[in-house]
Amino acid sequence: MDYIHFNPVKHGLVKEARAWEYASFRRNVAAGLYPLEWDGTEGDAIYVGERA
């Protein structure tokens, strides 16, 4: 799930996972599965699935 939520950020489509309108991320936040700040802030390192 982390990879799916972070993919739009990784590819420069949005700056934060919560900004991608087509993802289930916000629904998962509302259900208590993720904190709203899960993807950190711009410049923070996050590793989800792939390594560059």
PDB file of N, CA and C in Angstrom:
ATOM      1  N   MET A   1       0.820  -1.186   0.000  1.00  0.00           N
ATOM      2  CA  MET A   1       0.000   0.000   0.000  1.00  0.00           C
ATOM      3  C   MET A   1       0.867   1.254   0.000  1.00  0.00           C
ATOM      4  N   ASP A   2       1.958   1.261   0.730  1.00  0.00           N
ATOM      5  CA  ASP A   2       2.818   2.441   0.785  1.00  0.00           C
ATOM      6  C   ASP A   2       3.294   2.825  -0.612  1.00  0.00           C
ATOM      7  N   TYR A   3       3.708   1.844  -1.384  1.00  0.00           N
ATOM      8  CA  TYR A   3       4.199   2.107  -2.739  1.00  0.00           C
ATOM      9  C   TYR A   3       3.123   2.785  -3.581  1.00  0.00           C
ATOM     10  N   ILE A   4       1.906   2.288  -3.498  1.00  0.00           N
ATOM     11  CA  ILE A   4       0.800   2.844  -4.281  1.00  0.00           C
ATOM     12  C   ILE A   4       0.531   4.294  -3.895  1.00  0.00           C
ATOM     13  N   HIS A   5       0.534   4.578  -2.605  1.00  0.00           N
ATOM     14  CA  HIS A   5       0.255   5.939  -2.150  1.00  0.00           C
ATOM     15  C   HIS A   5       1.385   6.901  -2.491  1.00  0.00           C
ATOM     16  N   PHE A   6       2.615   6.420  -2.498  1.00  0.00           N
ATOM     17  CA  PHE A   6       3.739   7.321  -2.728  1.00  0.00           C
ATOM     18  C   PHE A   6       4.073   7.505  -4.204  1.00  0.00           C
ATOM     19  N   ASN A   7       3.591   6.649  -5.071  1.00  0.00           N
ATOM     20  CA  ASN A   7       3.933   6.701  -6.487  1.00  0.00           C
ATOM     21  C   ASN A   7       3.671   8.064  -7.143  1.00  0.00           C
ATOM     22  N   PRO A   8       2.519   8.712  -6.945  1.00  0.00           N
ATOM     23  CA  PRO A   8       2.307  10.033  -7.558  1.00  0.00           C
ATOM     24  C   PRO A   8       3.306  11.084  -7.061  1.00  0.00           C
ATOM     25  N   VAL A   9       3.746  10.960  -5.818  1.00  0.00           N
ATOM     26  CA  VAL A   9       4.749  11.878  -5.273  1.00  0.00           C
ATOM     27  C   VAL A   9       6.086  11.610  -5.956  1.00  0.00           C
ATOM     28  N   LYS A  10       6.457  10.353  -6.032  1.00  0.00           N
ATOM     29  CA  LYS A  10       7.721   9.946  -6.636  1.00  0.00           C
ATOM     30  C   LYS A  10       7.851  10.456  -8.071  1.00  0.00           C
ATOM     31  N   HIS A  11       6.761  10.440  -8.806  1.00  0.00           N
ATOM     32  CA  HIS A  11       6.790  10.841 -10.209  1.00  0.00           C
ATOM     33  C   HIS A  11       6.472  12.320 -10.426  1.00  0.00           C
ATOM     34  N   GLY A  12       6.418  13.086  -9.333  1.00  0.00           N
ATOM     35  CA  GLY A  12       6.271  14.531  -9.437  1.00  0.00           C
ATOM     36  C   GLY A  12       4.882  15.037  -9.784  1.00  0.00           C
ATOM     37  N   LEU A  13       3.871  14.194  -9.627  1.00  0.00           N
ATOM     38  CA  LEU A  13       2.504  14.618  -9.939  1.00  0.00           C
ATOM     39  C   LEU A  13       1.895  15.453  -8.817  1.00  0.00           C
ATOM     40  N   VAL A  14       2.307  15.188  -7.588  1.00  0.00           N
ATOM     41  CA  VAL A  14       1.883  15.957  -6.415  1.00  0.00           C
ATOM     42  C   VAL A  14       3.057  16.027  -5.443  1.00  0.00           C
ATOM     43  N   LYS A  15       2.980  16.922  -4.479  1.00  0.00           N
ATOM     44  CA  LYS A  15       4.057  17.033  -3.492  1.00  0.00           C
ATOM     45  C   LYS A  15       3.803  16.174  -2.263  1.00  0.00           C
ATOM     46  N   GLU A  16       2.545  15.808  -2.014  1.00  0.00           N
ATOM     47  CA  GLU A  16       2.173  14.991  -0.854  1.00  0.00           C
ATOM     48  C   GLU A  16       1.146  13.959  -1.297  1.00  0.00           C
ATOM     49  N   ALA A  17       1.193  12.788  -0.704  1.00  0.00           N
ATOM     50  CA  ALA A  17       0.263  11.708  -1.064  1.00  0.00           C
ATOM     51  C   ALA A  17      -1.188  12.143  -0.885  1.00  0.00           C
ATOM     52  N   ARG A  18      -1.455  12.933   0.126  1.00  0.00           N
ATOM     53  CA  ARG A  18      -2.837  13.347   0.389  1.00  0.00           C
ATOM     54  C   ARG A  18      -3.395  14.252  -0.705  1.00  0.00           C
ATOM     55  N   ALA A  19      -2.538  14.797  -1.558  1.00  0.00           N
ATOM     56  CA  ALA A  19      -2.984  15.690  -2.621  1.00  0.00           C
ATOM     57  C   ALA A  19      -3.454  14.938  -3.874  1.00  0.00           C
ATOM     58  N   TRP A  20      -3.158  13.661  -3.985  1.00  0.00           N
ATOM     59  CA  TRP A  20      -3.548  12.880  -5.161  1.00  0.00           C
ATOM     60  C   TRP A  20      -5.008  12.484  -5.016  1.00  0.00           C
ATOM     61  N   GLU A  21      -5.879  13.085  -5.803  1.00  0.00           N
ATOM     62  CA  GLU A  21      -7.326  12.923  -5.633  1.00  0.00           C
ATOM     63  C   GLU A  21      -7.844  11.531  -5.987  1.00  0.00           C
ATOM     64  N   TYR A  22      -7.082  10.747  -6.731  1.00  0.00           N
ATOM     65  CA  TYR A  22      -7.569   9.437  -7.180  1.00  0.00           C
ATOM     66  C   TYR A  22      -7.191   8.293  -6.239  1.00  0.00           C
ATOM     67  N   ALA A  23      -6.415   8.565  -5.222  1.00  0.00           N
ATOM     68  CA  ALA A  23      -5.934   7.526  -4.315  1.00  0.00           C
ATOM     69  C   ALA A  23      -6.900   7.285  -3.159  1.00  0.00           C
ATOM     70  N   SER A  24      -6.733   6.167  -2.534  1.00  0.00           N
ATOM     71  CA  SER A  24      -7.521   5.827  -1.354  1.00  0.00           C
ATOM     72  C   SER A  24      -6.846   6.343  -0.077  1.00  0.00           C
ATOM     73  N   PHE A  25      -5.784   7.098  -0.220  1.00  0.00           N
ATOM     74  CA  PHE A  25      -5.013   7.539   0.938  1.00  0.00           C
ATOM     75  C   PHE A  25      -5.857   8.280   1.967  1.00  0.00           C
ATOM     76  N   ARG A  26      -6.624   9.258   1.528  1.00  0.00           N
ATOM     77  CA  ARG A  26      -7.435  10.039   2.492  1.00  0.00           C
ATOM     78  C   ARG A  26      -8.472   9.169   3.184  1.00  0.00           C
ATOM     79  N   ARG A  27      -9.039   8.216   2.475  1.00  0.00           N
ATOM     80  CA  ARG A  27      -9.992   7.279   3.081  1.00  0.00           C
ATOM     81  C   ARG A  27      -9.287   6.434   4.148  1.00  0.00           C
ATOM     82  N   ASN A  28      -8.054   6.023   3.862  1.00  0.00           N
ATOM     83  CA  ASN A  28      -7.290   5.241   4.832  1.00  0.00           C
ATOM     84  C   ASN A  28      -6.897   6.074   6.047  1.00  0.00           C
ATOM     85  N   VAL A  29      -6.639   7.366   5.847  1.00  0.00           N
ATOM     86  CA  VAL A  29      -6.378   8.267   6.971  1.00  0.00           C
ATOM     87  C   VAL A  29      -7.630   8.366   7.836  1.00  0.00           C
ATOM     88  N   ALA A  30      -8.783   8.551   7.201  1.00  0.00           N
ATOM     89  CA  ALA A  30     -10.049   8.663   7.938  1.00  0.00           C
ATOM     90  C   ALA A  30     -10.355   7.386   8.721  1.00  0.00           C
ATOM     91  N   ALA A  31      -9.927   6.243   8.190  1.00  0.00           N
ATOM     92  CA  ALA A  31     -10.153   4.962   8.873  1.00  0.00           C
ATOM     93  C   ALA A  31      -9.113   4.700   9.953  1.00  0.00           C
ATOM     94  N   GLY A  32      -8.119   5.593  10.091  1.00  0.00           N
ATOM     95  CA  GLY A  32      -7.098   5.434  11.120  1.00  0.00           C
ATOM     96  C   GLY A  32      -5.956   4.519  10.719  1.00  0.00           C
ATOM     97  N   LEU A  33      -5.840   4.187   9.436  1.00  0.00           N
ATOM     98  CA  LEU A  33      -4.777   3.290   8.980  1.00  0.00           C
ATOM     99  C   LEU A  33      -3.452   4.010   8.742  1.00  0.00           C
ATOM    100  N   TYR A  34      -3.519   5.302   8.437  1.00  0.00           N
ATOM    101  CA  TYR A  34      -2.332   6.118   8.201  1.00  0.00           C
ATOM    102  C   TYR A  34      -2.512   7.447   8.910  1.00  0.00           C
ATOM    103  N   PRO A  35      -1.419   8.039   9.418  1.00  0.00           N
ATOM    104  CA  PRO A  35      -1.516   9.416   9.895  1.00  0.00           C
ATOM    105  C   PRO A  35      -1.513  10.351   8.688  1.00  0.00           C
ATOM    106  N   LEU A  36      -2.131  11.497   8.778  1.00  0.00           N
ATOM    107  CA  LEU A  36      -2.203  12.436   7.664  1.00  0.00           C
ATOM    108  C   LEU A  36      -0.807  12.837   7.184  1.00  0.00           C
ATOM    109  N   GLU A  37       0.149  12.925   8.091  1.00  0.00           N
ATOM    110  CA  GLU A  37       1.509  13.333   7.752  1.00  0.00           C
ATOM    111  C   GLU A  37       2.393  12.153   7.370  1.00  0.00           C
ATOM    112  N   TRP A  38       1.812  11.029   6.976  1.00  0.00           N
ATOM    113  CA  TRP A  38       2.559   9.803   6.673  1.00  0.00           C
ATOM    114  C   TRP A  38       3.707  10.013   5.702  1.00  0.00           C
ATOM    115  N   ASP A  39       3.521  10.815   4.679  1.00  0.00           N
ATOM    116  CA  ASP A  39       4.554  10.960   3.661  1.00  0.00           C
ATOM    117  C   ASP A  39       5.578  12.041   3.989  1.00  0.00           C
ATOM    118  N   GLY A  40       5.514  12.615   5.174  1.00  0.00           N
ATOM    119  CA  GLY A  40       6.491  13.610   5.582  1.00  0.00           C
ATOM    120  C   GLY A  40       6.312  14.932   4.861  1.00  0.00           C
ATOM    121  N   THR A  41       7.358  15.714   4.876  1.00  0.00           N
ATOM    122  CA  THR A  41       7.341  16.989   4.171  1.00  0.00           C
ATOM    123  C   THR A  41       8.379  16.948   3.070  1.00  0.00           C
ATOM    124  N   GLU A  42       8.299  17.874   2.179  1.00  0.00           N
ATOM    125  CA  GLU A  42       9.221  17.921   1.053  1.00  0.00           C
ATOM    126  C   GLU A  42      10.664  17.912   1.559  1.00  0.00           C
ATOM    127  N   GLY A  43      11.466  17.029   1.014  1.00  0.00           N
ATOM    128  CA  GLY A  43      12.856  16.916   1.435  1.00  0.00           C
ATOM    129  C   GLY A  43      13.103  15.759   2.380  1.00  0.00           C
ATOM    130  N   ASP A  44      12.073  15.241   3.034  1.00  0.00           N
ATOM    131  CA  ASP A  44      12.240  14.083   3.897  1.00  0.00           C
ATOM    132  C   ASP A  44      12.469  12.841   3.037  1.00  0.00           C
ATOM    133  N   ALA A  45      13.295  11.945   3.506  1.00  0.00           N
ATOM    134  CA  ALA A  45      13.537  10.683   2.791  1.00  0.00           C
ATOM    135  C   ALA A  45      12.439   9.687   3.142  1.00  0.00           C
ATOM    136  N   ILE A  46      11.941   8.996   2.144  1.00  0.00           N
ATOM    137  CA  ILE A  46      10.954   7.931   2.363  1.00  0.00           C
ATOM    138  C   ILE A  46      11.264   6.823   1.380  1.00  0.00           C
ATOM    139  N   TYR A  47      11.258   5.601   1.856  1.00  0.00           N
ATOM    140  CA  TYR A  47      11.563   4.471   0.995  1.00  0.00           C
ATOM    141  C   TYR A  47      10.351   3.539   0.988  1.00  0.00           C
ATOM    142  N   VAL A  48       9.746   3.389  -0.169  1.00  0.00           N
ATOM    143  CA  VAL A  48       8.569   2.537  -0.292  1.00  0.00           C
ATOM    144  C   VAL A  48       8.698   1.660  -1.533  1.00  0.00           C
ATOM    145  N   GLY A  49       9.242   0.491  -1.347  1.00  0.00           N
ATOM    146  CA  GLY A  49       9.331  -0.468  -2.445  1.00  0.00           C
ATOM    147  C   GLY A  49      10.599  -0.392  -3.258  1.00  0.00           C
ATOM    148  N   GLU A  50      10.796   0.666  -3.991  1.00  0.00           N
ATOM    149  CA  GLU A  50      11.955   0.782  -4.871  1.00  0.00           C
ATOM    150  C   GLU A  50      13.037   1.622  -4.230  1.00  0.00           C
ATOM    151  N   ARG A  51      14.233   1.356  -4.630  1.00  0.00           N
ATOM    152  CA  ARG A  51      15.359   2.196  -4.205  1.00  0.00           C
ATOM    153  C   ARG A  51      16.001   2.778  -5.453  1.00  0.00           C
ATOM    154  N   ALA A  52      16.274   4.039  -5.418  1.00  0.00           N
ATOM    155  CA  ALA A  52      16.865   4.718  -6.582  1.00  0.00           C
ATOM    156  C   ALA A  52      18.341   4.428  -6.695  1.00  0.00           C
TER     157      ALA A  52
END
